[in-house]
C-alpha atoms as a PDB file:
ATOM      1  CA  UNK A   1     -16.626  15.724  20.286  1.00  0.00           C
ATOM      2  CA  UNK A   2     -19.649  14.413  21.937  1.00  0.00           C
ATOM      3  CA  UNK A   3     -19.629  10.808  22.798  1.00  0.00           C
ATOM      4  CA  UNK A   4     -22.437  10.040  20.318  1.00  0.00           C
ATOM      5  CA  UNK A   5     -20.722  11.665  17.486  1.00  0.00           C
ATOM      6  CA  UNK A   6     -17.455   9.582  18.275  1.00  0.00           C
ATOM      7  CA  UNK A   7     -19.492   6.366  18.330  1.00  0.00           C
ATOM      8  CA  UNK A   8     -21.073   7.096  15.041  1.00  0.00           C
ATOM      9  CA  UNK A   9     -17.798   7.792  13.322  1.00  0.00           C
ATOM     10  CA  UNK A  10     -16.247   4.723  14.845  1.00  0.00           C
ATOM     11  CA  UNK A  11     -19.295   2.815  13.869  1.00  0.00           C
ATOM     12  CA  UNK A  12     -19.033   3.967  10.312  1.00  0.00           C
ATOM     13  CA  UNK A  13     -15.420   3.314  10.108  1.00  0.00           C
ATOM     14  CA  UNK A  14     -16.083  -0.263  11.338  1.00  0.00           C
ATOM     15  CA  UNK A  15     -18.851  -0.631   8.989  1.00  0.00           C
ATOM     16  CA  UNK A  16     -16.577   0.441   6.089  1.00  0.00           C
ATOM     17  CA  UNK A  17     -13.863  -2.023   7.080  1.00  0.00           C
ATOM     18  CA  UNK A  18     -16.125  -4.943   7.326  1.00  0.00           C
ATOM     19  CA  UNK A  19     -18.235  -4.273   4.209  1.00  0.00           C
ATOM     20  CA  UNK A  20     -14.997  -3.594   2.246  1.00  0.00           C
ATOM     21  CA  UNK A  21     -13.622  -6.783   0.815  1.00  0.00           C
ATOM     22  CA  UNK A  22     -10.542  -4.910  -0.062  1.00  0.00           C
ATOM     23  CA  UNK A  23      -9.835  -4.147   3.402  1.00  0.00           C
ATOM     24  CA  UNK A  24      -7.878  -7.406   3.894  1.00  0.00           C
ATOM     25  CA  UNK A  25      -5.647  -6.018   0.909  1.00  0.00           C
ATOM     26  CA  UNK A  26      -4.840  -2.749   2.542  1.00  0.00           C
ATOM     27  CA  UNK A  27      -3.980  -4.543   6.011  1.00  0.00           C
ATOM     28  CA  UNK A  28      -1.721  -7.020   3.896  1.00  0.00           C
ATOM     29  CA  UNK A  29      -0.088  -4.067   2.257  1.00  0.00           C
ATOM     30  CA  UNK A  30       0.708  -2.541   5.401  1.00  0.00           C
ATOM     31  CA  UNK A  31       2.173  -5.526   6.779  1.00  0.00           C
ATOM     32  CA  UNK A  32       4.384  -6.137   3.520  1.00  0.00           C
ATOM     33  CA  UNK A  33       5.480  -2.458   3.839  1.00  0.00           C
ATOM     34  CA  UNK A  34       6.886  -3.188   7.284  1.00  0.00           C
ATOM     35  CA  UNK A  35       8.884  -6.038   6.030  1.00  0.00           C
ATOM     36  CA  UNK A  36       9.997  -4.514   2.690  1.00  0.00           C
ATOM     37  CA  UNK A  37      13.375  -2.543   2.787  1.00  0.00           C
ATOM     38  CA  UNK A  38      12.200   0.443   0.964  1.00  0.00           C
ATOM     39  CA  UNK A  39      14.198   3.634   0.728  1.00  0.00           C
ATOM     40  CA  UNK A  40      13.202   6.292   3.261  1.00  0.00           C
ATOM     41  CA  UNK A  41      11.646   8.397   0.505  1.00  0.00           C
ATOM     42  CA  UNK A  42       9.513   5.398  -0.926  1.00  0.00           C
ATOM     43  CA  UNK A  43       8.491   4.350   2.623  1.00  0.00           C
ATOM     44  CA  UNK A  44       7.173   7.909   3.280  1.00  0.00           C
ATOM     45  CA  UNK A  45       5.212   8.076   0.229  1.00  0.00           C
ATOM     46  CA  UNK A  46       3.730   4.564   0.781  1.00  0.00           C
ATOM     47  CA  UNK A  47       2.792   5.455   4.320  1.00  0.00           C
ATOM     48  CA  UNK A  48       1.058   8.574   3.258  1.00  0.00           C
ATOM     49  CA  UNK A  49      -0.892   6.629   0.513  1.00  0.00           C
ATOM     50  CA  UNK A  50      -1.921   4.062   2.938  1.00  0.00           C
ATOM     51  CA  UNK A  51      -3.502   6.704   5.314  1.00  0.00           C
ATOM     52  CA  UNK A  52      -5.072   8.330   2.251  1.00  0.00           C
ATOM     53  CA  UNK A  53      -6.525   5.098   1.046  1.00  0.00           C
ATOM     54  CA  UNK A  54      -7.955   4.301   4.579  1.00  0.00           C
ATOM     55  CA  UNK A  55      -9.640   7.652   4.615  1.00  0.00           C
ATOM     56  CA  UNK A  56     -11.276   7.280   1.112  1.00  0.00           C
ATOM     57  CA  UNK A  57     -14.746   5.722   0.297  1.00  0.00           C
ATOM     58  CA  UNK A  58     -13.982   2.306  -1.485  1.00  0.00           C
ATOM     59  CA  UNK A  59     -16.541   3.227  -4.141  1.00  0.00           C
ATOM     60  CA  UNK A  60     -14.329   6.063  -5.405  1.00  0.00           C
ATOM     61  CA  UNK A  61     -12.491   5.495  -8.634  1.00  0.00           C
ATOM     62  CA  UNK A  62      -9.367   6.763  -7.150  1.00  0.00           C
ATOM     63  CA  UNK A  63      -9.346   4.217  -4.378  1.00  0.00           C
ATOM     64  CA  UNK A  64      -8.636   1.375  -6.893  1.00  0.00           C
ATOM     65  CA  UNK A  65      -5.786   3.613  -8.512  1.00  0.00           C
ATOM     66  CA  UNK A  66      -4.116   4.161  -5.043  1.00  0.00           C
ATOM     67  CA  UNK A  67      -4.713   0.546  -4.098  1.00  0.00           C
ATOM     68  CA  UNK A  68      -3.112  -0.789  -7.488  1.00  0.00           C
ATOM     69  CA  UNK A  69      -0.241   1.624  -6.916  1.00  0.00           C
ATOM     70  CA  UNK A  70       0.459   0.270  -3.476  1.00  0.00           C
ATOM     71  CA  UNK A  71       0.092  -3.350  -4.658  1.00  0.00           C
ATOM     72  CA  UNK A  72       2.645  -2.645  -7.383  1.00  0.00           C
ATOM     73  CA  UNK A  73       5.025  -0.868  -4.936  1.00  0.00           C
ATOM     74  CA  UNK A  74       5.030  -3.837  -2.509  1.00  0.00           C
ATOM     75  CA  UNK A  75       5.359  -6.371  -5.422  1.00  0.00           C
ATOM     76  CA  UNK A  76       8.649  -4.784  -6.613  1.00  0.00           C
ATOM     77  CA  UNK A  77      11.892  -6.541  -5.654  1.00  0.00           C
ATOM     78  CA  UNK A  78      13.294  -3.912  -3.038  1.00  0.00           C
ATOM     79  CA  UNK A  79      16.715  -4.839  -1.958  1.00  0.00           C
ATOM     80  CA  UNK A  80      16.866  -7.988  -4.155  1.00  0.00           C
ATOM     81  CA  UNK A  81      19.904  -7.892  -6.299  1.00  0.00           C
ATOM     82  CA  UNK A  82      21.132 -10.219  -9.003  1.00  0.00           C
ATOM     83  CA  UNK A  83      24.548 -10.787 -10.316  1.00  0.00           C
ATOM     84  CA  UNK A  84      24.554  -9.503 -13.918  1.00  0.00           C
ATOM     85  CA  UNK A  85      27.203 -10.383 -16.405  1.00  0.00           C
ATOM     86  CA  UNK A  86      29.433  -7.322 -16.966  1.00  0.00           C
ATOM     87  CA  UNK A  87      32.139  -8.828 -19.327  1.00  0.00           C
ATOM     88  CA  UNK A  88      31.461  -7.194 -22.802  1.00  0.00           C
ATOM     89  CA  UNK A  89      33.588  -9.630 -24.588  1.00  0.00           C
ATOM     90  CA  UNK A  90      30.913 -12.398 -23.808  1.00  0.00           C
ATOM     91  CA  UNK A  91      28.088 -10.417 -25.192  1.00  0.00           C
ATOM     92  CA  UNK A  92      26.300 -11.407 -28.331  1.00  0.00           C
ATOM     93  CA  UNK A  93      25.557  -9.054 -30.986  1.00  0.00           C
END
């Protein structure tokens, strides 16, 4: 790839990142994905979706769909458990 083409693609990507107010959301999602204890399958899917999101034009309708999906995925309580009562005699009808 000639240097001018590489510069152009880098400049375009930088422009997309700076002009996109949702770029901060994508970087925050990436950081949260690193700290969450997702299953291997969920982590693989989320990583692929983040890559896909970064390559999309933010004006596409699918961009918002993928971003919302990732935000929901990150907000789920992965590896957070509660102690639920299991004694059926104490249950109300």
